[in-house]
């Protein structure tokens, strides 16, 4: 299992607006690409950064699905968030492979 993790640091003043936007627009759009089987959204509770930190994680069984999403869709979909919340958030992504879970 592979996880595509997107970490987002947002200003506190946009929290409710951003949460609504990310659930209705971002997550739905990513899932509609068909490359991921599930997702989860988390809030980092002990972030050393200013503002609030969230993670959105998308799961897939195949690394090729994740790579296809990254090359075909990620730049466009993820730039929409930057346009919607210009200068109010910072994002970075990472790819993880699940080694063991219970």
Protein backbone atom coordinates (compact mmCIF):
# COMPACT_ATOMS: atom_id res chain seq x y z
CA UNK A 1 0.00 0.00 0.00
CA UNK A 2 1.27 3.48 -0.89
CA UNK A 3 0.27 6.83 0.58
CA UNK A 4 0.44 10.16 -1.17
CA UNK A 5 0.63 12.64 1.70
CA UNK A 6 0.01 16.36 1.24
CA UNK A 7 0.82 18.55 4.22
CA UNK A 8 -0.81 21.97 4.30
CA UNK A 9 0.07 24.82 6.66
CA UNK A 10 -2.73 27.39 6.73
CA UNK A 11 -3.39 30.68 8.44
CA UNK A 12 -5.87 30.32 11.28
CA UNK A 13 -8.11 33.00 9.77
CA UNK A 14 -9.00 30.80 6.78
CA UNK A 15 -9.51 27.52 8.61
CA UNK A 16 -13.28 27.09 8.16
CA UNK A 17 -13.31 28.36 4.59
CA UNK A 18 -10.34 26.15 3.66
CA UNK A 19 -11.80 23.05 5.37
CA UNK A 20 -15.01 23.41 3.38
CA UNK A 21 -13.12 24.02 0.15
CA UNK A 22 -10.72 21.11 0.58
CA UNK A 23 -13.50 18.63 1.37
CA UNK A 24 -15.84 19.74 -1.43
CA UNK A 25 -13.31 20.54 -4.15
CA UNK A 26 -9.85 19.15 -3.57
CA UNK A 27 -10.48 15.70 -2.07
CA UNK A 28 -13.43 14.99 -4.33
CA UNK A 29 -11.45 15.98 -7.45
CA UNK A 30 -8.46 13.82 -6.49
CA UNK A 31 -10.66 10.80 -5.73
CA UNK A 32 -12.53 11.22 -9.04
CA UNK A 33 -9.26 10.60 -10.92
CA UNK A 34 -9.67 6.93 -10.00
CA UNK A 35 -6.06 6.45 -8.92
CA UNK A 36 -6.75 6.15 -5.18
CA UNK A 37 -8.93 3.75 -3.17
CA UNK A 38 -9.33 5.84 -0.03
CA UNK A 39 -8.23 8.96 1.80
CA UNK A 40 -7.99 10.37 5.28
CA UNK A 41 -7.62 13.91 6.55
CA UNK A 42 -5.67 14.66 9.71
CA UNK A 43 -4.77 17.70 11.77
CA UNK A 44 -1.29 17.91 13.25
CA UNK A 45 -1.79 18.81 16.90
CA UNK A 46 1.81 19.50 17.89
CA UNK A 47 3.15 21.37 14.87
CA UNK A 48 6.05 23.73 15.61
CA UNK A 49 4.86 26.00 12.78
CA UNK A 50 2.77 29.14 12.95
CA UNK A 51 -0.87 28.63 11.98
CA UNK A 52 -2.53 25.25 11.59
CA UNK A 53 -1.18 22.11 9.94
CA UNK A 54 -3.28 19.50 8.17
CA UNK A 55 -2.43 16.38 6.17
CA UNK A 56 -4.52 14.78 3.47
CA UNK A 57 -3.45 11.24 2.67
CA UNK A 58 -4.56 9.28 -0.39
CA UNK A 59 -4.05 5.49 -0.47
CA UNK A 60 -3.40 3.22 -3.44
CA UNK A 61 -2.23 -0.34 -3.87
CA UNK A 62 -0.01 0.42 -6.87
CA UNK A 63 2.93 2.80 -7.05
CA UNK A 64 2.14 3.19 -10.76
CA UNK A 65 -1.27 4.70 -9.87
CA UNK A 66 0.37 7.22 -7.59
CA UNK A 67 2.97 8.09 -10.23
CA UNK A 68 0.29 8.46 -12.90
CA UNK A 69 -1.67 10.83 -10.67
CA UNK A 70 1.46 12.86 -9.97
CA UNK A 71 2.34 13.25 -13.63
CA UNK A 72 -1.16 13.64 -15.11
CA UNK A 73 -3.17 15.50 -12.47
CA UNK A 74 -1.23 16.72 -9.45
CA UNK A 75 0.20 19.95 -10.91
CA UNK A 76 -3.19 21.23 -12.06
CA UNK A 77 -5.32 20.03 -9.13
CA UNK A 78 -2.86 21.12 -6.47
CA UNK A 79 -2.27 24.54 -8.05
CA UNK A 80 -6.01 25.27 -7.72
CA UNK A 81 -5.56 25.32 -3.94
CA UNK A 82 -2.72 27.83 -4.27
CA UNK A 83 -4.92 30.05 -6.45
CA UNK A 84 -7.92 29.82 -4.12
CA UNK A 85 -5.86 30.69 -1.02
CA UNK A 86 -2.98 32.76 -2.38
CA UNK A 87 -0.39 33.71 0.24
CA UNK A 88 -2.42 32.04 3.02
CA UNK A 89 -1.01 28.52 2.93
CA UNK A 90 2.07 26.45 2.19
CA UNK A 91 1.98 22.86 0.96
CA UNK A 92 4.40 20.03 0.40
CA UNK A 93 3.89 16.43 -0.56
CA UNK A 94 5.58 13.14 0.16
CA UNK A 95 5.16 9.53 -0.86
CA UNK A 96 5.16 6.72 1.67
CA UNK A 97 5.04 2.95 1.48
CA UNK A 98 3.29 1.02 4.24
CA UNK A 99 5.64 -1.67 5.53
CA UNK A 100 3.50 -3.06 8.33
CA UNK A 101 0.16 -2.23 9.94
CA UNK A 102 -2.35 -3.85 12.20
